[in-house]
N, C-alpha and C. Protein backbone atom coordinates (compact mmCIF):
# COMPACT_ATOMS: atom_id res chain seq x y z
N MET A 1 -2.81 62.21 127.02
CA MET A 1 -1.69 61.89 127.93
C MET A 1 -1.15 63.00 128.67
N LEU A 2 -1.07 62.68 129.95
CA LEU A 2 -0.66 63.90 130.84
C LEU A 2 1.05 63.95 130.78
N SER A 3 1.50 65.11 131.06
CA SER A 3 2.89 65.24 131.16
C SER A 3 2.99 65.65 132.74
N TYR A 4 4.20 65.60 133.27
CA TYR A 4 4.52 65.80 134.72
C TYR A 4 5.97 66.93 134.81
N SER A 5 5.92 67.44 135.63
CA SER A 5 7.17 68.61 136.04
C SER A 5 8.26 68.17 136.45
N GLY A 6 8.21 66.62 136.79
CA GLY A 6 9.52 66.14 137.12
C GLY A 6 9.21 64.74 137.62
N THR A 7 10.22 64.44 138.82
CA THR A 7 9.90 63.14 139.25
C THR A 7 9.05 63.41 140.43
N PRO A 8 7.87 62.63 140.50
CA PRO A 8 6.88 62.87 141.52
C PRO A 8 7.51 62.63 143.00
N PHE A 9 7.14 63.17 144.15
CA PHE A 9 7.63 62.96 145.36
C PHE A 9 6.50 62.39 146.01
N HIS A 10 5.28 63.09 146.23
CA HIS A 10 4.36 62.70 146.92
C HIS A 10 2.94 63.04 146.28
N LEU A 11 1.97 62.34 146.65
CA LEU A 11 0.51 62.85 146.11
C LEU A 11 -0.60 62.42 147.10
N THR A 12 -1.66 63.22 146.80
CA THR A 12 -2.75 63.11 147.76
C THR A 12 -3.97 63.07 146.78
N LEU A 13 -4.94 62.20 147.11
CA LEU A 13 -6.40 62.15 146.39
C LEU A 13 -7.15 63.41 147.01
N ILE A 14 -7.67 64.25 146.03
CA ILE A 14 -8.53 65.20 146.49
C ILE A 14 -10.02 64.71 146.25
N ASP A 15 -10.41 64.05 145.02
CA ASP A 15 -11.61 63.32 145.10
C ASP A 15 -11.45 62.30 143.98
N GLY A 16 -12.66 61.84 143.18
CA GLY A 16 -12.56 60.78 142.38
C GLY A 16 -12.11 60.91 141.15
N ASN A 17 -11.81 62.44 140.89
CA ASN A 17 -11.04 62.53 139.67
C ASN A 17 -9.79 63.42 139.80
N ARG A 18 -9.70 64.00 140.86
CA ARG A 18 -8.26 64.82 141.04
C ARG A 18 -7.57 64.46 142.18
N PHE A 19 -6.24 64.46 141.80
CA PHE A 19 -5.06 64.45 142.89
C PHE A 19 -4.01 65.48 142.70
N ALA A 20 -3.30 65.89 143.83
CA ALA A 20 -2.47 66.82 143.81
C ALA A 20 -1.17 66.09 144.01
N VAL A 21 0.02 66.53 143.56
CA VAL A 21 1.35 65.89 143.35
C VAL A 21 2.57 66.99 143.53
N THR A 22 3.45 66.35 144.60
CA THR A 22 4.57 67.34 144.57
C THR A 22 5.70 66.65 144.00
N TYR A 23 6.76 67.43 143.40
CA TYR A 23 8.00 66.87 142.96
C TYR A 23 9.26 66.99 143.65
N ALA A 24 10.12 65.93 143.37
CA ALA A 24 11.29 66.03 144.05
C ALA A 24 12.14 67.24 143.71
N PHE A 25 12.66 67.94 144.64
CA PHE A 25 13.40 69.18 144.33
C PHE A 25 12.92 70.08 143.55
N ASN A 26 11.39 70.54 143.73
CA ASN A 26 10.74 71.14 142.82
C ASN A 26 9.66 72.21 143.73
N ASP A 27 9.66 73.21 143.56
CA ASP A 27 8.73 74.16 144.42
C ASP A 27 7.14 74.22 143.79
N LYS A 28 6.95 73.22 143.01
CA LYS A 28 5.69 73.23 142.32
C LYS A 28 4.61 72.20 142.85
N ILE A 29 3.45 72.55 142.73
CA ILE A 29 2.37 71.42 143.32
C ILE A 29 1.68 71.35 141.93
N GLU A 30 1.06 70.43 141.50
CA GLU A 30 0.23 70.08 140.38
C GLU A 30 -1.11 69.47 140.83
N ILE A 31 -2.05 70.10 140.64
CA ILE A 31 -3.61 69.46 140.71
C ILE A 31 -4.00 68.85 139.44
N ILE A 32 -4.06 67.65 139.15
CA ILE A 32 -4.27 67.01 138.10
C ILE A 32 -5.75 66.29 137.87
N ASN A 33 -6.33 66.63 137.15
CA ASN A 33 -7.84 66.17 136.67
C ASN A 33 -7.59 65.04 135.68
N LEU A 34 -8.02 63.99 136.34
CA LEU A 34 -7.90 62.82 135.23
C LEU A 34 -9.28 62.84 134.37
N SER A 35 -10.22 63.25 134.51
CA SER A 35 -11.25 63.37 133.58
C SER A 35 -10.99 64.36 132.43
N THR A 36 -10.57 65.46 132.71
CA THR A 36 -10.38 66.56 131.62
C THR A 36 -8.93 66.57 131.49
N THR A 37 -7.79 65.98 132.00
CA THR A 37 -6.49 66.04 131.80
C THR A 37 -5.90 67.24 131.83
N HIS A 38 -6.68 68.27 132.60
CA HIS A 38 -6.41 69.54 133.01
C HIS A 38 -5.32 69.53 134.31
N VAL A 39 -4.39 70.58 134.16
CA VAL A 39 -3.19 70.54 135.04
C VAL A 39 -3.30 71.85 135.62
N GLN A 40 -3.32 72.00 136.98
CA GLN A 40 -3.41 73.30 137.48
C GLN A 40 -1.98 73.34 138.41
N THR A 41 -1.19 74.51 138.28
CA THR A 41 0.11 74.55 138.80
C THR A 41 -0.09 75.59 139.97
N ILE A 42 0.53 75.20 141.19
CA ILE A 42 0.73 75.99 142.10
C ILE A 42 2.12 75.99 142.46
N THR A 43 2.68 77.47 142.54
CA THR A 43 4.21 77.50 142.70
C THR A 43 4.32 78.25 144.00
N LEU A 44 5.15 77.44 144.94
CA LEU A 44 5.54 78.03 146.22
C LEU A 44 6.71 78.39 146.28
N GLU A 45 7.39 78.92 147.58
CA GLU A 45 8.69 79.75 147.44
C GLU A 45 9.81 78.57 147.59
N LYS A 46 9.65 77.28 148.24
CA LYS A 46 10.81 76.43 148.57
C LYS A 46 10.33 75.12 147.91
N TYR A 47 11.35 74.16 148.07
CA TYR A 47 10.96 72.86 147.61
C TYR A 47 9.75 72.23 148.46
N CYS A 48 8.85 71.42 147.97
CA CYS A 48 7.72 70.93 148.45
C CYS A 48 8.02 69.38 148.53
N HIS A 49 7.67 68.91 149.75
CA HIS A 49 7.96 67.25 150.03
C HIS A 49 6.41 66.78 150.31
N GLY A 50 6.06 66.38 151.18
CA GLY A 50 4.89 65.55 151.50
C GLY A 50 3.51 66.58 151.23
N ILE A 51 2.65 65.86 150.84
CA ILE A 51 1.42 66.70 150.83
C ILE A 51 0.08 65.82 151.18
N SER A 52 -1.02 66.45 151.77
CA SER A 52 -1.95 65.97 152.21
C SER A 52 -3.34 66.75 151.95
N TYR A 53 -4.66 66.26 151.67
CA TYR A 53 -5.54 66.92 151.53
C TYR A 53 -6.74 66.71 152.45
N THR A 54 -7.42 67.73 153.03
CA THR A 54 -8.48 67.33 154.02
C THR A 54 -9.37 68.61 153.94
N ASP A 55 -10.67 68.38 153.89
CA ASP A 55 -11.74 69.35 153.90
C ASP A 55 -11.39 70.55 153.26
N GLY A 56 -10.87 70.64 151.93
CA GLY A 56 -10.84 71.66 150.92
C GLY A 56 -9.49 72.17 151.00
N LYS A 57 -8.76 71.74 151.80
CA LYS A 57 -7.23 72.41 152.00
C LYS A 57 -6.33 71.28 151.73
N LEU A 58 -5.16 71.85 150.91
CA LEU A 58 -3.88 71.07 150.93
C LEU A 58 -2.87 71.52 152.10
N TYR A 59 -2.23 70.67 152.75
CA TYR A 59 -1.09 70.67 153.58
C TYR A 59 0.00 70.25 153.12
N VAL A 60 0.94 71.10 152.86
CA VAL A 60 2.37 70.84 152.14
C VAL A 60 3.59 71.21 153.05
N MET A 61 4.15 70.05 153.06
CA MET A 61 5.71 70.37 153.69
C MET A 61 6.58 70.95 152.95
N GLU A 62 6.72 72.07 153.28
CA GLU A 62 7.87 73.03 152.42
C GLU A 62 9.14 73.13 153.08
N SER A 63 10.05 73.06 152.25
CA SER A 63 11.47 73.17 152.81
C SER A 63 11.92 74.60 153.71
N THR A 64 12.54 74.42 154.73
CA THR A 64 12.85 75.52 155.53
C THR A 64 11.79 76.62 156.02
N ILE A 65 10.51 76.23 155.58
CA ILE A 65 9.30 76.72 156.17
C ILE A 65 8.46 76.10 157.04
N GLY A 66 8.12 75.14 156.90
CA GLY A 66 7.17 74.04 157.75
C GLY A 66 6.08 73.72 156.87
N ILE A 67 4.85 73.68 157.45
CA ILE A 67 3.66 73.20 156.75
C ILE A 67 2.79 74.36 156.17
N VAL A 68 2.71 74.34 155.07
CA VAL A 68 1.73 75.55 154.36
C VAL A 68 0.51 74.78 154.10
N VAL A 69 -0.52 75.77 154.57
CA VAL A 69 -1.93 75.22 154.32
C VAL A 69 -2.40 76.23 153.16
N LEU A 70 -2.89 75.54 152.02
CA LEU A 70 -3.44 76.27 150.90
C LEU A 70 -4.84 75.98 150.68
N ASP A 71 -5.79 76.80 150.02
CA ASP A 71 -6.82 76.31 149.46
C ASP A 71 -6.59 75.67 147.79
N LEU A 72 -7.70 75.30 147.10
CA LEU A 72 -7.19 74.59 146.12
C LEU A 72 -6.99 75.55 144.90
N THR A 73 -6.98 76.87 145.20
CA THR A 73 -6.77 77.97 144.12
C THR A 73 -5.26 78.26 144.23
N GLY A 74 -4.54 77.69 145.44
CA GLY A 74 -3.22 78.13 145.64
C GLY A 74 -3.06 79.23 146.82
N LYS A 75 -4.16 79.50 147.30
CA LYS A 75 -3.94 80.95 148.12
C LYS A 75 -3.72 80.34 149.46
N ILE A 76 -2.42 81.00 150.18
CA ILE A 76 -1.92 80.47 151.36
C ILE A 76 -2.73 80.85 152.38
N LEU A 77 -3.39 79.85 153.23
CA LEU A 77 -4.25 80.32 154.33
C LEU A 77 -3.38 80.36 155.64
N LYS A 78 -2.47 79.46 155.78
CA LYS A 78 -1.67 79.56 157.08
C LYS A 78 -0.48 78.75 156.84
N THR A 79 0.48 79.25 157.64
CA THR A 79 1.81 78.70 157.84
C THR A 79 1.98 77.96 159.01
N VAL A 80 2.44 76.80 159.29
CA VAL A 80 2.99 76.36 160.52
C VAL A 80 4.41 76.09 160.41
N PRO A 81 5.06 76.97 161.15
CA PRO A 81 6.52 77.02 161.08
C PRO A 81 7.14 75.81 161.80
N LEU A 82 8.04 75.10 161.12
CA LEU A 82 8.64 74.07 161.76
C LEU A 82 10.05 73.83 161.29
N ASP A 83 11.13 73.15 162.21
CA ASP A 83 12.33 72.83 161.71
C ASP A 83 12.08 71.78 160.71
N THR A 84 12.53 72.20 159.42
CA THR A 84 12.11 71.11 158.50
C THR A 84 13.15 70.21 157.97
N GLU A 85 14.10 70.08 158.62
CA GLU A 85 15.52 69.43 158.37
C GLU A 85 14.91 67.77 158.50
N HIS A 86 14.89 67.25 157.29
CA HIS A 86 14.70 65.87 157.24
C HIS A 86 13.27 65.40 157.65
N LEU A 87 12.35 66.47 157.44
CA LEU A 87 11.02 66.03 157.53
C LEU A 87 10.49 65.63 156.10
N CYS A 88 9.75 64.61 156.32
CA CYS A 88 9.34 63.84 154.99
C CYS A 88 7.84 63.75 154.54
N ASN A 89 7.00 63.04 155.03
CA ASN A 89 5.70 63.10 154.55
C ASN A 89 4.67 63.55 155.80
N ILE A 90 3.62 63.83 155.26
CA ILE A 90 2.44 64.39 155.98
C ILE A 90 1.20 63.69 155.79
N ALA A 91 0.41 63.71 156.87
CA ALA A 91 -1.03 63.26 156.65
C ALA A 91 -1.95 64.13 157.60
N THR A 92 -3.02 64.32 157.33
CA THR A 92 -3.94 65.09 158.24
C THR A 92 -5.37 64.34 158.13
N SER A 93 -5.95 64.93 159.32
CA SER A 93 -7.35 64.32 159.63
C SER A 93 -8.21 65.79 159.91
N ARG A 94 -9.51 65.73 160.14
CA ARG A 94 -10.23 66.71 160.41
C ARG A 94 -9.62 67.88 161.28
N ASP A 95 -9.07 67.42 162.19
CA ASP A 95 -8.45 68.15 163.44
C ASP A 95 -7.06 68.00 163.69
N ARG A 96 -6.19 67.32 162.98
CA ARG A 96 -4.81 66.73 163.32
C ARG A 96 -3.85 66.84 162.09
N ILE A 97 -2.57 67.13 162.31
CA ILE A 97 -1.65 67.02 161.34
C ILE A 97 -0.69 66.12 161.95
N TYR A 98 -0.19 65.00 161.15
CA TYR A 98 0.69 64.09 161.44
C TYR A 98 1.92 64.26 160.33
N TYR A 99 3.22 64.10 161.00
CA TYR A 99 4.20 64.11 159.93
C TYR A 99 5.34 63.08 160.67
N THR A 100 6.28 62.80 159.49
CA THR A 100 7.38 61.97 159.94
C THR A 100 8.66 62.70 159.70
N ASN A 101 9.72 62.32 160.49
CA ASN A 101 11.11 63.04 160.43
C ASN A 101 11.94 61.66 160.27
N GLU A 102 12.45 61.50 159.36
CA GLU A 102 13.31 60.37 158.84
C GLU A 102 14.59 59.97 159.38
N HIS A 103 15.17 61.16 159.93
CA HIS A 103 16.53 60.89 160.36
C HIS A 103 16.52 60.72 162.01
N LYS A 104 15.37 61.35 162.55
CA LYS A 104 15.35 61.36 164.19
C LYS A 104 14.40 60.10 164.49
N ASN A 105 14.00 59.45 163.30
CA ASN A 105 12.90 58.39 163.51
C ASN A 105 11.67 58.59 164.26
N THR A 106 10.93 59.88 164.10
CA THR A 106 9.82 60.22 164.91
C THR A 106 8.60 60.38 164.13
N ILE A 107 7.54 60.41 164.62
CA ILE A 107 6.45 60.51 164.04
C ILE A 107 5.66 61.61 164.94
N HIS A 108 5.07 62.63 164.52
CA HIS A 108 4.70 63.87 165.30
C HIS A 108 3.13 64.09 165.02
N ARG A 109 2.19 64.38 165.99
CA ARG A 109 1.07 64.86 165.95
C ARG A 109 0.98 66.18 166.54
N LEU A 110 0.22 67.01 165.64
CA LEU A 110 0.02 68.21 165.90
C LEU A 110 -1.52 68.79 165.84
N SER A 111 -1.84 69.81 166.65
CA SER A 111 -3.41 70.39 166.29
C SER A 111 -3.08 71.05 164.94
N LEU A 112 -4.37 71.49 164.42
CA LEU A 112 -4.10 72.39 163.11
C LEU A 112 -3.53 73.67 163.19
N THR A 113 -3.50 73.88 164.55
CA THR A 113 -2.72 75.33 164.71
C THR A 113 -1.09 75.17 165.05
N GLY A 114 -0.62 74.02 164.94
CA GLY A 114 0.79 73.67 165.04
C GLY A 114 1.11 73.21 166.31
N GLN A 115 0.09 73.09 167.26
CA GLN A 115 0.66 72.80 168.73
C GLN A 115 1.16 71.39 168.71
N VAL A 116 2.09 70.94 169.45
CA VAL A 116 2.47 69.50 169.48
C VAL A 116 1.73 69.03 170.48
N ILE A 117 0.93 67.84 170.18
CA ILE A 117 0.23 66.92 170.85
C ILE A 117 1.10 65.71 171.42
N TRP A 118 1.74 65.03 170.46
CA TRP A 118 2.76 64.01 170.79
C TRP A 118 3.74 63.91 169.69
N GLU A 119 4.95 63.40 170.39
CA GLU A 119 6.09 63.05 169.35
C GLU A 119 6.24 61.43 169.62
N TYR A 120 6.39 60.67 168.93
CA TYR A 120 6.54 59.12 169.14
C TYR A 120 7.89 58.72 168.33
N HIS A 121 8.40 57.85 169.35
CA HIS A 121 9.62 57.17 168.84
C HIS A 121 9.68 55.67 169.42
N ASN A 122 10.12 54.83 168.37
CA ASN A 122 10.08 53.35 168.73
C ASN A 122 11.16 53.01 167.89
N LYS A 123 12.03 52.24 168.56
CA LYS A 123 13.27 51.65 167.81
C LYS A 123 12.94 50.56 166.71
N SER A 124 11.59 50.19 166.82
CA SER A 124 11.20 49.26 165.65
C SER A 124 10.91 49.91 164.44
N ILE A 125 10.70 51.24 164.51
CA ILE A 125 10.50 52.05 163.27
C ILE A 125 11.70 52.93 162.85
N ILE A 126 12.23 52.58 161.95
CA ILE A 126 13.35 53.14 161.44
C ILE A 126 13.37 53.65 160.01
N GLN A 127 13.63 55.14 159.91
CA GLN A 127 13.47 55.89 158.82
C GLN A 127 11.83 55.77 158.51
N PRO A 128 11.02 56.47 159.45
CA PRO A 128 9.44 56.55 158.83
C PRO A 128 9.38 57.44 157.69
N LEU A 129 8.79 56.90 156.70
CA LEU A 129 8.45 57.74 155.52
C LEU A 129 6.88 57.95 155.35
N GLY A 130 6.27 56.93 154.67
CA GLY A 130 4.99 57.06 154.47
C GLY A 130 3.96 56.88 155.88
N ILE A 131 2.99 57.88 155.74
CA ILE A 131 2.22 58.07 156.85
C ILE A 131 0.79 58.23 156.60
N THR A 132 -0.18 57.57 157.04
CA THR A 132 -1.77 57.99 156.90
C THR A 132 -2.54 57.74 158.18
N VAL A 133 -3.62 58.02 158.05
CA VAL A 133 -4.28 58.14 159.40
C VAL A 133 -5.77 57.35 159.26
N SER A 134 -6.30 56.41 160.19
CA SER A 134 -7.29 55.76 160.09
C SER A 134 -8.40 56.69 160.64
N ASP A 135 -9.63 56.14 160.36
CA ASP A 135 -10.88 56.88 160.86
C ASP A 135 -10.80 57.14 162.35
N ASN A 136 -10.26 56.42 163.32
CA ASN A 136 -10.27 56.45 164.74
C ASN A 136 -9.10 57.30 165.25
N GLN A 137 -8.37 57.58 164.48
CA GLN A 137 -7.04 58.56 164.62
C GLN A 137 -5.76 57.58 164.82
N ASP A 138 -6.02 56.51 164.85
CA ASP A 138 -4.57 55.58 164.79
C ASP A 138 -3.84 56.05 163.56
N VAL A 139 -2.67 55.90 163.85
CA VAL A 139 -1.50 56.28 162.77
C VAL A 139 -0.83 55.00 162.31
N LEU A 140 -1.04 54.96 160.90
CA LEU A 140 -0.11 53.88 160.19
C LEU A 140 1.12 54.68 159.46
N VAL A 141 2.28 53.90 159.79
CA VAL A 141 3.50 54.37 159.18
C VAL A 141 4.31 53.31 158.74
N VAL A 142 5.08 53.70 157.56
CA VAL A 142 6.12 52.42 157.28
C VAL A 142 7.31 52.80 157.71
N GLY A 143 8.19 52.02 157.88
CA GLY A 143 9.68 52.16 158.33
C GLY A 143 10.31 51.66 157.14
N SER A 144 10.93 52.64 156.55
CA SER A 144 11.75 52.18 155.15
C SER A 144 12.84 51.33 155.51
N THR A 145 13.86 51.73 156.35
CA THR A 145 14.94 50.79 156.71
C THR A 145 14.53 49.68 157.51
N SER A 146 13.48 50.02 158.52
CA SER A 146 13.03 48.66 159.12
C SER A 146 12.18 47.80 158.57
N ASN A 147 11.72 48.25 157.42
CA ASN A 147 11.18 47.29 156.47
C ASN A 147 9.71 46.89 157.03
N ASN A 148 9.10 47.77 157.47
CA ASN A 148 7.81 47.28 158.30
C ASN A 148 6.68 48.24 158.20
N LEU A 149 5.29 47.85 158.54
CA LEU A 149 4.19 48.73 158.66
C LEU A 149 3.89 48.62 160.20
N SER A 150 3.82 49.70 160.91
CA SER A 150 3.24 49.76 162.35
C SER A 150 2.06 50.58 162.47
N ILE A 151 1.31 50.42 163.33
CA ILE A 151 0.30 51.27 163.70
C ILE A 151 0.38 51.84 165.14
N ILE A 152 0.37 53.27 165.27
CA ILE A 152 0.47 53.93 166.48
C ILE A 152 -0.86 54.13 166.99
N THR A 153 -1.11 53.87 168.23
CA THR A 153 -2.53 54.36 168.77
C THR A 153 -2.58 55.87 168.77
N GLN A 154 -4.01 56.29 168.80
CA GLN A 154 -4.46 57.56 168.56
C GLN A 154 -3.75 58.58 169.76
N ASN A 155 -3.51 58.23 170.92
CA ASN A 155 -2.90 58.96 171.90
C ASN A 155 -1.24 58.91 171.80
N GLY A 156 -0.71 58.11 170.97
CA GLY A 156 0.93 58.13 170.75
C GLY A 156 1.49 57.40 171.89
N ASN A 157 0.71 56.60 172.65
CA ASN A 157 1.56 55.76 173.59
C ASN A 157 2.21 54.61 173.39
N LYS A 158 1.64 53.86 172.34
CA LYS A 158 2.14 52.61 171.89
C LYS A 158 1.87 52.38 170.49
N SER A 159 2.63 51.22 170.17
CA SER A 159 2.60 50.85 168.67
C SER A 159 2.76 49.33 168.62
N ARG A 160 2.29 48.74 167.64
CA ARG A 160 2.58 47.42 167.16
C ARG A 160 2.97 47.34 165.70
N ILE A 161 3.61 46.47 165.32
CA ILE A 161 3.94 46.02 163.89
C ILE A 161 2.80 45.11 163.24
N LEU A 162 2.25 45.77 162.23
CA LEU A 162 1.34 44.81 161.43
C LEU A 162 1.66 44.00 160.43
N LEU A 163 2.66 44.50 159.46
CA LEU A 163 3.44 43.94 158.67
C LEU A 163 5.01 43.88 158.95
N ASP A 164 5.86 42.76 158.91
CA ASP A 164 7.10 42.91 159.30
C ASP A 164 7.92 42.18 158.02
N LYS A 165 9.26 42.69 158.14
CA LYS A 165 10.31 42.27 157.07
C LYS A 165 9.80 40.78 156.40
N PHE A 166 9.14 40.89 155.32
CA PHE A 166 8.73 39.64 154.42
C PHE A 166 9.22 39.97 153.04
N ALA A 167 9.26 38.62 152.38
CA ALA A 167 9.83 38.80 150.93
C ALA A 167 9.00 39.77 150.18
N ASN A 168 9.73 40.07 149.11
CA ASN A 168 9.17 41.17 148.06
C ASN A 168 8.83 42.33 148.55
N TRP A 169 8.99 42.70 149.67
CA TRP A 169 8.66 44.10 150.10
C TRP A 169 9.95 44.80 150.97
N ILE A 170 10.74 45.52 150.10
CA ILE A 170 11.93 46.09 150.48
C ILE A 170 11.64 47.71 150.15
N THR A 171 12.44 48.34 151.32
CA THR A 171 12.20 49.74 151.51
C THR A 171 10.92 50.29 151.20
N PRO A 172 9.85 50.03 151.98
CA PRO A 172 8.67 50.76 151.60
C PRO A 172 8.79 52.20 152.05
N ARG A 173 7.96 52.85 151.13
CA ARG A 173 8.10 54.54 151.10
C ARG A 173 6.62 55.05 151.28
N THR A 174 5.57 54.44 151.22
CA THR A 174 4.23 55.10 151.42
C THR A 174 3.33 54.09 151.75
N VAL A 175 2.39 54.55 152.22
CA VAL A 175 1.15 53.91 152.66
C VAL A 175 -0.10 54.40 152.68
N TYR A 176 -1.42 53.69 152.37
CA TYR A 176 -2.51 54.65 152.07
C TYR A 176 -3.73 54.02 152.79
N TYR A 177 -4.47 54.75 153.48
CA TYR A 177 -5.61 54.22 153.97
C TYR A 177 -7.03 54.71 153.25
N ASN A 178 -7.56 53.73 152.80
CA ASN A 178 -8.72 53.94 151.89
C ASN A 178 -9.90 54.14 152.80
N ARG A 179 -10.41 55.37 153.27
CA ARG A 179 -11.45 55.50 153.86
C ARG A 179 -12.99 54.91 153.47
N ASP A 180 -13.00 54.71 152.14
CA ASP A 180 -14.11 54.19 151.86
C ASP A 180 -14.40 52.66 151.74
N ARG A 181 -13.25 51.97 151.68
CA ARG A 181 -13.35 50.45 151.96
C ARG A 181 -12.98 50.02 153.28
N LYS A 182 -12.28 50.71 153.91
CA LYS A 182 -11.74 50.28 155.30
C LYS A 182 -11.24 49.18 155.45
């Protein structure tokens, strides 16, 4: 039986056996191995929010700091300073970082060094929370208040709603793109 350090906020898959999880109002990340039930704890300075894993690195949205990039031992490799007020979730690809700002209703795309590539706003995406990236770099995002799933083109120029307000789907909070099943 696995025990947890609190209320999970966000998680990311590392491989078939391991995932990393952040907790609401907590400065810890746990890497949980489902095969061995081993739990590795990484402690950061501030509360952790969204988390994403790409190419051996964890990208964590850390309160008042920005995006912290760590290896799987917890060593901080880099920090991308950001105004973190109302930042929520994060997704990564080989060469890009994406994140949502739930109060400004914006979605952002950065280079791995933190350079802004684009910021996207569309009145049909209200309170964007969950975010993921497809193989071709299109961005999938759920609007929690708008109650929809949208896709934003990789250049950040336009979007369209894939799933809109329908029965039994209220305030969606997350989305996952399975690269193995597409």
